[in-house]
Amino acid sequence: MKKTRHGSSNYTEKEPQFTRILSDKAQENPVRLHYCDGASFSGHGQDEVAQLQFRGERIWRAAIDDLKANRMRYADQALLSGCSAGGLLAILRCDEFRDISDAS
């Protein structure tokens, strides 16, 4: 899995396509955080034998800091969603995500 789009940003699409309830216009969906850490952005560790690093918590914190400093302060609405482990992320982090706009 580490050599797929689900396990490394090296294999993700460069221009993500927005589908379903999201607009296909990039200006209407300016932020998409691609989930690829396998642990709902909560990992912080490594497996040296398998040559895996789990840095989901750091990725989440960096994304939140960037959103607070830049994009979220201009947003009228925001949507946190996901499926599978990304859906679990939405459940685990929904209160924190909501609080971003309150702190801006």
PDB file of N, CA and C in Angstrom:
ATOM      1  N   MET A   1       0.814  -1.197   0.000  1.00  0.00           N
ATOM      2  CA  MET A   1       0.000   0.000   0.000  1.00  0.00           C
ATOM      3  C   MET A   1       0.859   1.262   0.000  1.00  0.00           C
ATOM      4  N   LYS A   2       2.072   1.178   0.540  1.00  0.00           N
ATOM      5  CA  LYS A   2       2.887   2.389   0.629  1.00  0.00           C
ATOM      6  C   LYS A   2       3.307   2.904  -0.743  1.00  0.00           C
ATOM      7  N   LYS A   3       3.180   2.089  -1.774  1.00  0.00           N
ATOM      8  CA  LYS A   3       3.531   2.537  -3.126  1.00  0.00           C
ATOM      9  C   LYS A   3       2.290   2.710  -3.985  1.00  0.00           C
ATOM     10  N   THR A   4       1.221   3.204  -3.359  1.00  0.00           N
ATOM     11  CA  THR A   4      -0.018   3.524  -4.061  1.00  0.00           C
ATOM     12  C   THR A   4      -0.445   4.927  -3.662  1.00  0.00           C
ATOM     13  N   ARG A   5      -1.479   5.429  -4.309  1.00  0.00           N
ATOM     14  CA  ARG A   5      -1.982   6.775  -3.982  1.00  0.00           C
ATOM     15  C   ARG A   5      -2.581   6.826  -2.582  1.00  0.00           C
ATOM     16  N   HIS A   6      -2.895   5.655  -2.013  1.00  0.00           N
ATOM     17  CA  HIS A   6      -3.439   5.619  -0.653  1.00  0.00           C
ATOM     18  C   HIS A   6      -2.349   5.644   0.406  1.00  0.00           C
ATOM     19  N   GLY A   7      -1.103   5.448   0.021  1.00  0.00           N
ATOM     20  CA  GLY A   7      -0.039   5.372   1.002  1.00  0.00           C
ATOM     21  C   GLY A   7       1.080   6.373   0.827  1.00  0.00           C
ATOM     22  N   SER A   8       1.042   7.144  -0.241  1.00  0.00           N
ATOM     23  CA  SER A   8       2.111   8.114  -0.460  1.00  0.00           C
ATOM     24  C   SER A   8       1.635   9.224  -1.382  1.00  0.00           C
ATOM     25  N   SER A   9       1.999  10.448  -1.044  1.00  0.00           N
ATOM     26  CA  SER A   9       1.646  11.574  -1.914  1.00  0.00           C
ATOM     27  C   SER A   9       2.433  11.531  -3.222  1.00  0.00           C
ATOM     28  N   ASN A  10       3.457  10.695  -3.309  1.00  0.00           N
ATOM     29  CA  ASN A  10       4.201  10.546  -4.568  1.00  0.00           C
ATOM     30  C   ASN A  10       3.337   9.974  -5.678  1.00  0.00           C
ATOM     31  N   TYR A  11       2.234   9.317  -5.323  1.00  0.00           N
ATOM     32  CA  TYR A  11       1.405   8.636  -6.311  1.00  0.00           C
ATOM     33  C   TYR A  11       0.020   9.249  -6.478  1.00  0.00           C
ATOM     34  N   THR A  12      -0.221  10.398  -5.895  1.00  0.00           N
ATOM     35  CA  THR A  12      -1.539  11.020  -5.997  1.00  0.00           C
ATOM     36  C   THR A  12      -1.632  11.834  -7.278  1.00  0.00           C
ATOM     37  N   GLU A  13      -2.861  12.076  -7.680  1.00  0.00           N
ATOM     38  CA  GLU A  13      -3.084  12.887  -8.874  1.00  0.00           C
ATOM     39  C   GLU A  13      -2.695  14.330  -8.583  1.00  0.00           C
ATOM     40  N   LYS A  14      -2.121  14.985  -9.563  1.00  0.00           N
ATOM     41  CA  LYS A  14      -1.653  16.362  -9.376  1.00  0.00           C
ATOM     42  C   LYS A  14      -2.804  17.360  -9.390  1.00  0.00           C
ATOM     43  N   GLU A  15      -3.827  17.100 -10.180  1.00  0.00           N
ATOM     44  CA  GLU A  15      -5.003  17.959 -10.249  1.00  0.00           C
ATOM     45  C   GLU A  15      -6.211  17.132  -9.827  1.00  0.00           C
ATOM     46  N   PRO A  16      -6.576  17.166  -8.554  1.00  0.00           N
ATOM     47  CA  PRO A  16      -7.699  16.332  -8.094  1.00  0.00           C
ATOM     48  C   PRO A  16      -9.015  16.758  -8.726  1.00  0.00           C
ATOM     49  N   GLN A  17      -9.859  15.790  -8.992  1.00  0.00           N
ATOM     50  CA  GLN A  17     -11.183  16.043  -9.528  1.00  0.00           C
ATOM     51  C   GLN A  17     -12.184  16.036  -8.372  1.00  0.00           C
ATOM     52  N   PHE A  18     -13.014  17.033  -8.322  1.00  0.00           N
ATOM     53  CA  PHE A  18     -14.050  17.087  -7.306  1.00  0.00           C
ATOM     54  C   PHE A  18     -15.308  16.457  -7.881  1.00  0.00           C
ATOM     55  N   THR A  19     -15.934  15.612  -7.099  1.00  0.00           N
ATOM     56  CA  THR A  19     -17.107  14.909  -7.576  1.00  0.00           C
ATOM     57  C   THR A  19     -18.198  14.909  -6.510  1.00  0.00           C
ATOM     58  N   ARG A  20     -19.283  14.313  -6.839  1.00  0.00           N
ATOM     59  CA  ARG A  20     -20.439  14.146  -5.964  1.00  0.00           C
ATOM     60  C   ARG A  20     -20.995  15.496  -5.534  1.00  0.00           C
ATOM     61  N   ILE A  21     -20.985  15.825  -4.247  1.00  0.00           N
ATOM     62  CA  ILE A  21     -21.618  17.063  -3.796  1.00  0.00           C
ATOM     63  C   ILE A  21     -20.713  18.279  -3.932  1.00  0.00           C
ATOM     64  N   LEU A  22     -19.464  18.083  -4.317  1.00  0.00           N
ATOM     65  CA  LEU A  22     -18.532  19.196  -4.470  1.00  0.00           C
ATOM     66  C   LEU A  22     -18.582  19.739  -5.892  1.00  0.00           C
ATOM     67  N   SER A  23     -18.349  21.013  -6.025  1.00  0.00           N
ATOM     68  CA  SER A  23     -18.330  21.634  -7.338  1.00  0.00           C
ATOM     69  C   SER A  23     -17.090  21.200  -8.103  1.00  0.00           C
ATOM     70  N   ASP A  24     -17.199  21.142  -9.428  1.00  0.00           N
ATOM     71  CA  ASP A  24     -16.035  20.836 -10.244  1.00  0.00           C
ATOM     72  C   ASP A  24     -15.224  22.098 -10.560  1.00  0.00           C
ATOM     73  N   LYS A  25     -15.612  23.231  -9.963  1.00  0.00           N
ATOM     74  CA  LYS A  25     -14.889  24.496 -10.145  1.00  0.00           C
ATOM     75  C   LYS A  25     -13.910  24.675  -8.990  1.00  0.00           C
ATOM     76  N   ALA A  26     -12.630  24.723  -9.303  1.00  0.00           N
ATOM     77  CA  ALA A  26     -11.593  24.806  -8.268  1.00  0.00           C
ATOM     78  C   ALA A  26     -11.771  26.023  -7.360  1.00  0.00           C
ATOM     79  N   GLN A  27     -12.219  27.146  -7.905  1.00  0.00           N
ATOM     80  CA  GLN A  27     -12.376  28.348  -7.083  1.00  0.00           C
ATOM     81  C   GLN A  27     -13.467  28.185  -6.032  1.00  0.00           C
ATOM     82  N   GLU A  28     -14.378  27.238  -6.230  1.00  0.00           N
ATOM     83  CA  GLU A  28     -15.426  26.975  -5.244  1.00  0.00           C
ATOM     84  C   GLU A  28     -14.997  25.916  -4.229  1.00  0.00           C
ATOM     85  N   ASN A  29     -13.951  25.194  -4.517  1.00  0.00           N
ATOM     86  CA  ASN A  29     -13.403  24.162  -3.628  1.00  0.00           C
ATOM     87  C   ASN A  29     -11.889  24.381  -3.536  1.00  0.00           C
ATOM     88  N   PRO A  30     -11.460  25.460  -2.934  1.00  0.00           N
ATOM     89  CA  PRO A  30     -10.037  25.790  -2.981  1.00  0.00           C
ATOM     90  C   PRO A  30      -9.123  24.888  -2.161  1.00  0.00           C
ATOM     91  N   VAL A  31      -9.658  24.075  -1.256  1.00  0.00           N
ATOM     92  CA  VAL A  31      -8.805  23.248  -0.409  1.00  0.00           C
ATOM     93  C   VAL A  31      -9.293  21.806  -0.444  1.00  0.00           C
ATOM     94  N   ARG A  32      -8.374  20.929  -0.724  1.00  0.00           N
ATOM     95  CA  ARG A  32      -8.653  19.497  -0.601  1.00  0.00           C
ATOM     96  C   ARG A  32      -7.412  18.879   0.012  1.00  0.00           C
ATOM     97  N   LEU A  33      -7.567  18.344   1.184  1.00  0.00           N
ATOM     98  CA  LEU A  33      -6.463  17.695   1.876  1.00  0.00           C
ATOM     99  C   LEU A  33      -6.570  16.208   1.609  1.00  0.00           C
ATOM    100  N   HIS A  34      -5.676  15.700   0.802  1.00  0.00           N
ATOM    101  CA  HIS A  34      -5.711  14.287   0.441  1.00  0.00           C
ATOM    102  C   HIS A  34      -5.227  13.444   1.604  1.00  0.00           C
ATOM    103  N   TYR A  35      -6.039  12.515   1.968  1.00  0.00           N
ATOM    104  CA  TYR A  35      -5.736  11.631   3.083  1.00  0.00           C
ATOM    105  C   TYR A  35      -4.901  10.456   2.595  1.00  0.00           C
ATOM    106  N   CYS A  36      -3.740  10.219   3.205  1.00  0.00           N
ATOM    107  CA  CYS A  36      -2.914   9.086   2.767  1.00  0.00           C
ATOM    108  C   CYS A  36      -2.080   8.483   3.898  1.00  0.00           C
ATOM    109  N   ASP A  37      -2.446   8.731   5.144  1.00  0.00           N
ATOM    110  CA  ASP A  37      -1.590   8.218   6.220  1.00  0.00           C
ATOM    111  C   ASP A  37      -2.061   6.893   6.794  1.00  0.00           C
ATOM    112  N   GLY A  38      -3.249   6.440   6.445  1.00  0.00           N
ATOM    113  CA  GLY A  38      -3.739   5.149   6.894  1.00  0.00           C
ATOM    114  C   GLY A  38      -4.192   5.079   8.336  1.00  0.00           C
ATOM    115  N   ALA A  39      -4.214   6.201   9.043  1.00  0.00           N
ATOM    116  CA  ALA A  39      -4.591   6.183  10.458  1.00  0.00           C
ATOM    117  C   ALA A  39      -5.437   7.399  10.833  1.00  0.00           C
ATOM    118  N   SER A  40      -6.258   7.868   9.922  1.00  0.00           N
ATOM    119  CA  SER A  40      -7.165   8.992  10.186  1.00  0.00           C
ATOM    120  C   SER A  40      -6.430  10.229  10.702  1.00  0.00           C
ATOM    121  N   PHE A  41      -5.276  10.500  10.140  1.00  0.00           N
ATOM    122  CA  PHE A  41      -4.439  11.638  10.536  1.00  0.00           C
ATOM    123  C   PHE A  41      -4.159  11.642  12.029  1.00  0.00           C
ATOM    124  N   SER A  42      -3.926  10.474  12.596  1.00  0.00           N
ATOM    125  CA  SER A  42      -3.651  10.403  14.028  1.00  0.00           C
ATOM    126  C   SER A  42      -2.315   9.735  14.336  1.00  0.00           C
ATOM    127  N   GLY A  43      -1.653   9.186  13.351  1.00  0.00           N
ATOM    128  CA  GLY A  43      -0.422   8.444  13.596  1.00  0.00           C
ATOM    129  C   GLY A  43       0.788   9.316  13.890  1.00  0.00           C
ATOM    130  N   HIS A  44       1.680   8.750  14.667  1.00  0.00           N
ATOM    131  CA  HIS A  44       2.975   9.390  14.924  1.00  0.00           C
ATOM    132  C   HIS A  44       3.936   8.284  15.377  1.00  0.00           C
ATOM    133  N   GLY A  45       4.579   7.676  14.427  1.00  0.00           N
ATOM    134  CA  GLY A  45       5.496   6.588  14.737  1.00  0.00           C
ATOM    135  C   GLY A  45       6.121   6.070  13.458  1.00  0.00           C
ATOM    136  N   GLN A  46       6.805   4.935  13.570  1.00  0.00           N
ATOM    137  CA  GLN A  46       7.418   4.360  12.382  1.00  0.00           C
ATOM    138  C   GLN A  46       7.639   2.871  12.578  1.00  0.00           C
ATOM    139  N   ASP A  47       7.769   2.182  11.464  1.00  0.00           N
ATOM    140  CA  ASP A  47       8.097   0.767  11.421  1.00  0.00           C
ATOM    141  C   ASP A  47       9.337   0.658  10.548  1.00  0.00           C
ATOM    142  N   GLU A  48      10.478   0.575  11.169  1.00  0.00           N
ATOM    143  CA  GLU A  48      11.733   0.587  10.430  1.00  0.00           C
ATOM    144  C   GLU A  48      11.880  -0.618   9.517  1.00  0.00           C
ATOM    145  N   VAL A  49      11.403  -1.785   9.942  1.00  0.00           N
ATOM    146  CA  VAL A  49      11.511  -2.990   9.122  1.00  0.00           C
ATOM    147  C   VAL A  49      10.734  -2.823   7.818  1.00  0.00           C
ATOM    148  N   ALA A  50       9.523  -2.316   7.911  1.00  0.00           N
ATOM    149  CA  ALA A  50       8.689  -2.113   6.727  1.00  0.00           C
ATOM    150  C   ALA A  50       9.002  -0.798   6.014  1.00  0.00           C
ATOM    151  N   GLN A  51       9.875  -0.002   6.574  1.00  0.00           N
ATOM    152  CA  GLN A  51      10.238   1.313   6.046  1.00  0.00           C
ATOM    153  C   GLN A  51       9.003   2.212   5.893  1.00  0.00           C
ATOM    154  N   LEU A  52       8.220   2.264   6.961  1.00  0.00           N
ATOM    155  CA  LEU A  52       7.026   3.094   6.990  1.00  0.00           C
ATOM    156  C   LEU A  52       7.155   4.149   8.076  1.00  0.00           C
ATOM    157  N   GLN A  53       6.668   5.332   7.770  1.00  0.00           N
ATOM    158  CA  GLN A  53       6.600   6.399   8.755  1.00  0.00           C
ATOM    159  C   GLN A  53       5.140   6.844   8.846  1.00  0.00           C
ATOM    160  N   PHE A  54       4.669   7.003  10.057  1.00  0.00           N
ATOM    161  CA  PHE A  54       3.303   7.437  10.295  1.00  0.00           C
ATOM    162  C   PHE A  54       3.351   8.842  10.872  1.00  0.00           C
ATOM    163  N   ARG A  55       2.985   9.822  10.079  1.00  0.00           N
ATOM    164  CA  ARG A  55       3.068  11.224  10.495  1.00  0.00           C
ATOM    165  C   ARG A  55       1.746  11.951  10.320  1.00  0.00           C
ATOM    166  N   GLY A  56       0.653  11.203  10.397  1.00  0.00           N
ATOM    167  CA  GLY A  56      -0.662  11.800  10.186  1.00  0.00           C
ATOM    168  C   GLY A  56      -0.983  12.934  11.121  1.00  0.00           C
ATOM    169  N   GLU A  57      -0.613  12.810  12.379  1.00  0.00           N
ATOM    170  CA  GLU A  57      -0.876  13.884  13.343  1.00  0.00           C
ATOM    171  C   GLU A  57      -0.160  15.169  12.921  1.00  0.00           C
ATOM    172  N   ARG A  58       1.080  15.050  12.497  1.00  0.00           N
ATOM    173  CA  ARG A  58       1.835  16.235  12.031  1.00  0.00           C
ATOM    174  C   ARG A  58       1.215  16.841  10.780  1.00  0.00           C
ATOM    175  N   ILE A  59       0.781  15.983   9.864  1.00  0.00           N
ATOM    176  CA  ILE A  59       0.140  16.465   8.640  1.00  0.00           C
ATOM    177  C   ILE A  59      -1.125  17.234   8.987  1.00  0.00           C
ATOM    178  N   TRP A  60      -1.950  16.661   9.866  1.00  0.00           N
ATOM    179  CA  TRP A  60      -3.189  17.336  10.277  1.00  0.00           C
ATOM    180  C   TRP A  60      -2.886  18.684  10.911  1.00  0.00           C
ATOM    181  N   ARG A  61      -1.951  18.736  11.843  1.00  0.00           N
ATOM    182  CA  ARG A  61      -1.610  19.998  12.529  1.00  0.00           C
ATOM    183  C   ARG A  61      -1.123  21.046  11.531  1.00  0.00           C
ATOM    184  N   ALA A  62      -0.267  20.643  10.592  1.00  0.00           N
ATOM    185  CA  ALA A  62       0.236  21.584   9.590  1.00  0.00           C
ATOM    186  C   ALA A  62      -0.898  22.099   8.706  1.00  0.00           C
ATOM    187  N   ALA A  63      -1.801  21.213   8.326  1.00  0.00           N
ATOM    188  CA  ALA A  63      -2.944  21.622   7.505  1.00  0.00           C
ATOM    189  C   ALA A  63      -3.834  22.600   8.262  1.00  0.00           C
ATOM    190  N   ILE A  64      -4.117  22.304   9.512  1.00  0.00           N
ATOM    191  CA  ILE A  64      -4.957  23.189  10.329  1.00  0.00           C
ATOM    192  C   ILE A  64      -4.294  24.555  10.496  1.00  0.00           C
ATOM    193  N   ASP A  65      -3.005  24.562  10.777  1.00  0.00           N
ATOM    194  CA  ASP A  65      -2.285  25.838  10.916  1.00  0.00           C
ATOM    195  C   ASP A  65      -2.355  26.656   9.631  1.00  0.00           C
ATOM    196  N   ASP A  66      -2.205  25.976   8.486  1.00  0.00           N
ATOM    197  CA  ASP A  66      -2.272  26.670   7.201  1.00  0.00           C
ATOM    198  C   ASP A  66      -3.688  27.199   6.952  1.00  0.00           C
ATOM    199  N   LEU A  67      -4.688  26.390   7.253  1.00  0.00           N
ATOM    200  CA  LEU A  67      -6.069  26.834   7.060  1.00  0.00           C
ATOM    201  C   LEU A  67      -6.393  28.040   7.936  1.00  0.00           C
ATOM    202  N   LYS A  68      -5.947  28.005   9.171  1.00  0.00           N
ATOM    203  CA  LYS A  68      -6.191  29.137  10.083  1.00  0.00           C
ATOM    204  C   LYS A  68      -5.526  30.406   9.570  1.00  0.00           C
ATOM    205  N   ALA A  69      -4.311  30.276   9.091  1.00  0.00           N
ATOM    206  CA  ALA A  69      -3.540  31.442   8.671  1.00  0.00           C
ATOM    207  C   ALA A  69      -3.975  31.985   7.312  1.00  0.00           C
ATOM    208  N   ASN A  70      -4.548  31.145   6.480  1.00  0.00           N
ATOM    209  CA  ASN A  70      -4.812  31.572   5.111  1.00  0.00           C
ATOM    210  C   ASN A  70      -6.255  31.412   4.669  1.00  0.00           C
ATOM    211  N   ARG A  71      -6.609  30.250   4.275  1.00  0.00           N
ATOM    212  CA  ARG A  71      -7.849  30.030   3.535  1.00  0.00           C
ATOM    213  C   ARG A  71      -9.132  30.119   4.355  1.00  0.00           C
ATOM    214  N   MET A  72      -9.171  29.560   5.531  1.00  0.00           N
ATOM    215  CA  MET A  72     -10.422  29.486   6.287  1.00  0.00           C
ATOM    216  C   MET A  72     -10.937  30.843   6.731  1.00  0.00           C
ATOM    217  N   ARG A  73     -10.096  31.800   6.876  1.00  0.00           N
ATOM    218  CA  ARG A  73     -10.596  33.091   7.346  1.00  0.00           C
ATOM    219  C   ARG A  73     -11.476  33.786   6.310  1.00  0.00           C
ATOM    220  N   TYR A  74     -11.424  33.332   5.062  1.00  0.00           N
ATOM    221  CA  TYR A  74     -12.260  33.901   4.009  1.00  0.00           C
ATOM    222  C   TYR A  74     -13.485  33.044   3.707  1.00  0.00           C
ATOM    223  N   ALA A  75     -13.598  31.898   4.318  1.00  0.00           N
ATOM    224  CA  ALA A  75     -14.674  30.959   3.981  1.00  0.00           C
ATOM    225  C   ALA A  75     -15.993  31.348   4.627  1.00  0.00           C
ATOM    226  N   ASP A  76     -17.051  31.228   3.848  1.00  0.00           N
ATOM    227  CA  ASP A  76     -18.398  31.385   4.383  1.00  0.00           C
ATOM    228  C   ASP A  76     -18.923  30.051   4.889  1.00  0.00           C
ATOM    229  N   GLN A  77     -18.489  28.983   4.230  1.00  0.00           N
ATOM    230  CA  GLN A  77     -18.908  27.641   4.587  1.00  0.00           C
ATOM    231  C   GLN A  77     -17.730  26.697   4.409  1.00  0.00           C
ATOM    232  N   ALA A  78     -17.749  25.615   5.154  1.00  0.00           N
ATOM    233  CA  ALA A  78     -16.703  24.601   5.019  1.00  0.00           C
ATOM    234  C   ALA A  78     -17.323  23.232   5.246  1.00  0.00           C
ATOM    235  N   LEU A  79     -16.767  22.241   4.597  1.00  0.00           N
ATOM    236  CA  LEU A  79     -17.263  20.879   4.700  1.00  0.00           C
ATOM    237  C   LEU A  79     -16.095  19.957   5.004  1.00  0.00           C
ATOM    238  N   LEU A  80     -16.227  19.182   6.049  1.00  0.00           N
ATOM    239  CA  LEU A  80     -15.245  18.157   6.394  1.00  0.00           C
ATOM    240  C   LEU A  80     -15.908  16.824   6.105  1.00  0.00           C
ATOM    241  N   SER A  81     -15.323  16.038   5.220  1.00  0.00           N
ATOM    242  CA  SER A  81     -15.938  14.768   4.861  1.00  0.00           C
ATOM    243  C   SER A  81     -14.867  13.735   4.569  1.00  0.00           C
ATOM    244  N   GLY A  82     -15.304  12.523   4.411  1.00  0.00           N
ATOM    245  CA  GLY A  82     -14.399  11.448   4.058  1.00  0.00           C
ATOM    246  C   GLY A  82     -15.133  10.134   4.026  1.00  0.00           C
ATOM    247  N   CYS A  83     -14.462   9.114   3.556  1.00  0.00           N
ATOM    248  CA  CYS A  83     -15.038   7.778   3.576  1.00  0.00           C
ATOM    249  C   CYS A  83     -13.981   6.824   4.126  1.00  0.00           C
ATOM    250  N   SER A  84     -14.428   5.747   4.668  1.00  0.00           N
ATOM    251  CA  SER A  84     -13.552   4.764   5.288  1.00  0.00           C
ATOM    252  C   SER A  84     -12.756   5.450   6.400  1.00  0.00           C
ATOM    253  N   ALA A  85     -11.435   5.325   6.404  1.00  0.00           N
ATOM    254  CA  ALA A  85     -10.632   5.956   7.460  1.00  0.00           C
ATOM    255  C   ALA A  85     -10.740   7.478   7.401  1.00  0.00           C
ATOM    256  N   GLY A  86     -10.970   8.034   6.227  1.00  0.00           N
ATOM    257  CA  GLY A  86     -11.190   9.471   6.110  1.00  0.00           C
ATOM    258  C   GLY A  86     -12.503   9.885   6.755  1.00  0.00           C
ATOM    259  N   GLY A  87     -13.501   9.011   6.717  1.00  0.00           N
ATOM    260  CA  GLY A  87     -14.765   9.263   7.413  1.00  0.00           C
ATOM    261  C   GLY A  87     -14.566   9.250   8.915  1.00  0.00           C
ATOM    262  N   LEU A  88     -13.743   8.321   9.387  1.00  0.00           N
ATOM    263  CA  LEU A  88     -13.423   8.299  10.813  1.00  0.00           C
ATOM    264  C   LEU A  88     -12.728   9.591  11.209  1.00  0.00           C
ATOM    265  N   LEU A  89     -11.833  10.091  10.359  1.00  0.00           N
ATOM    266  CA  LEU A  89     -11.186  11.377  10.612  1.00  0.00           C
ATOM    267  C   LEU A  89     -12.235  12.468  10.787  1.00  0.00           C
ATOM    268  N   ALA A  90     -13.224  12.507   9.897  1.00  0.00           N
ATOM    269  CA  ALA A  90     -14.258  13.540   9.984  1.00  0.00           C
ATOM    270  C   ALA A  90     -14.992  13.478  11.313  1.00  0.00           C
ATOM    271  N   ILE A  91     -15.244  12.273  11.796  1.00  0.00           N
ATOM    272  CA  ILE A  91     -15.914  12.119  13.092  1.00  0.00           C
ATOM    273  C   ILE A  91     -14.991  12.554  14.230  1.00  0.00           C
ATOM    274  N   LEU A  92     -13.759  12.097  14.205  1.00  0.00           N
ATOM    275  CA  LEU A  92     -12.821  12.387  15.294  1.00  0.00           C
ATOM    276  C   LEU A  92     -12.427  13.850  15.367  1.00  0.00           C
ATOM    277  N   ARG A  93     -12.360  14.524  14.210  1.00  0.00           N
ATOM    278  CA  ARG A  93     -11.844  15.895  14.168  1.00  0.00           C
ATOM    279  C   ARG A  93     -12.902  16.958  13.898  1.00  0.00           C
ATOM    280  N   CYS A  94     -14.179  16.587  13.860  1.00  0.00           N
ATOM    281  CA  CYS A  94     -15.201  17.555  13.463  1.00  0.00           C
ATOM    282  C   CYS A  94     -15.275  18.754  14.409  1.00  0.00           C
ATOM    283  N   ASP A  95     -15.189  18.550  15.708  1.00  0.00           N
ATOM    284  CA  ASP A  95     -15.253  19.678  16.641  1.00  0.00           C
ATOM    285  C   ASP A  95     -14.056  20.604  16.464  1.00  0.00           C
ATOM    286  N   GLU A  96     -12.888  20.024  16.310  1.00  0.00           N
ATOM    287  CA  GLU A  96     -11.683  20.830  16.097  1.00  0.00           C
ATOM    288  C   GLU A  96     -11.788  21.616  14.793  1.00  0.00           C
ATOM    289  N   PHE A  97     -12.295  20.971  13.750  1.00  0.00           N
ATOM    290  CA  PHE A  97     -12.453  21.638  12.456  1.00  0.00           C
ATOM    291  C   PHE A  97     -13.439  22.798  12.572  1.00  0.00           C
ATOM    292  N   ARG A  98     -14.540  22.589  13.273  1.00  0.00           N
ATOM    293  CA  ARG A  98     -15.529  23.648  13.482  1.00  0.00           C
ATOM    294  C   ARG A  98     -14.895  24.839  14.190  1.00  0.00           C
ATOM    295  N   ASP A  99     -14.035  24.556  15.147  1.00  0.00           N
ATOM    296  CA  ASP A  99     -13.423  25.607  15.941  1.00  0.00           C
ATOM    297  C   ASP A  99     -12.433  26.469  15.166  1.00  0.00           C
ATOM    298  N   ILE A 100     -12.007  26.016  14.010  1.00  0.00           N
ATOM    299  CA  ILE A 100     -11.097  26.823  13.184  1.00  0.00           C
ATOM    300  C   ILE A 100     -11.739  28.171  12.875  1.00  0.00           C
ATOM    301  N   SER A 101     -12.982  28.155  12.440  1.00  0.00           N
ATOM    302  CA  SER A 101     -13.642  29.406  12.074  1.00  0.00           C
ATOM    303  C   SER A 101     -13.896  30.278  13.297  1.00  0.00           C
ATOM    304  N   ASP A 102     -14.119  29.655  14.442  1.00  0.00           N
ATOM    305  CA  ASP A 102     -14.333  30.430  15.666  1.00  0.00           C
ATOM    306  C   ASP A 102     -13.073  31.153  16.102  1.00  0.00           C
ATOM    307  N   ALA A 103     -11.896  30.557  15.800  1.00  0.00           N
ATOM    308  CA  ALA A 103     -10.621  31.132  16.223  1.00  0.00           C
ATOM    309  C   ALA A 103     -10.112  32.189  15.269  1.00  0.00           C
ATOM    310  N   SER A 104     -10.647  32.209  14.045  1.00  0.00           N
ATOM    311  CA  SER A 104     -10.151  33.173  13.039  1.00  0.00           C
ATOM    312  C   SER A 104     -10.655  34.561  13.302  1.00  0.00           C
TER     313      SER A 104
END
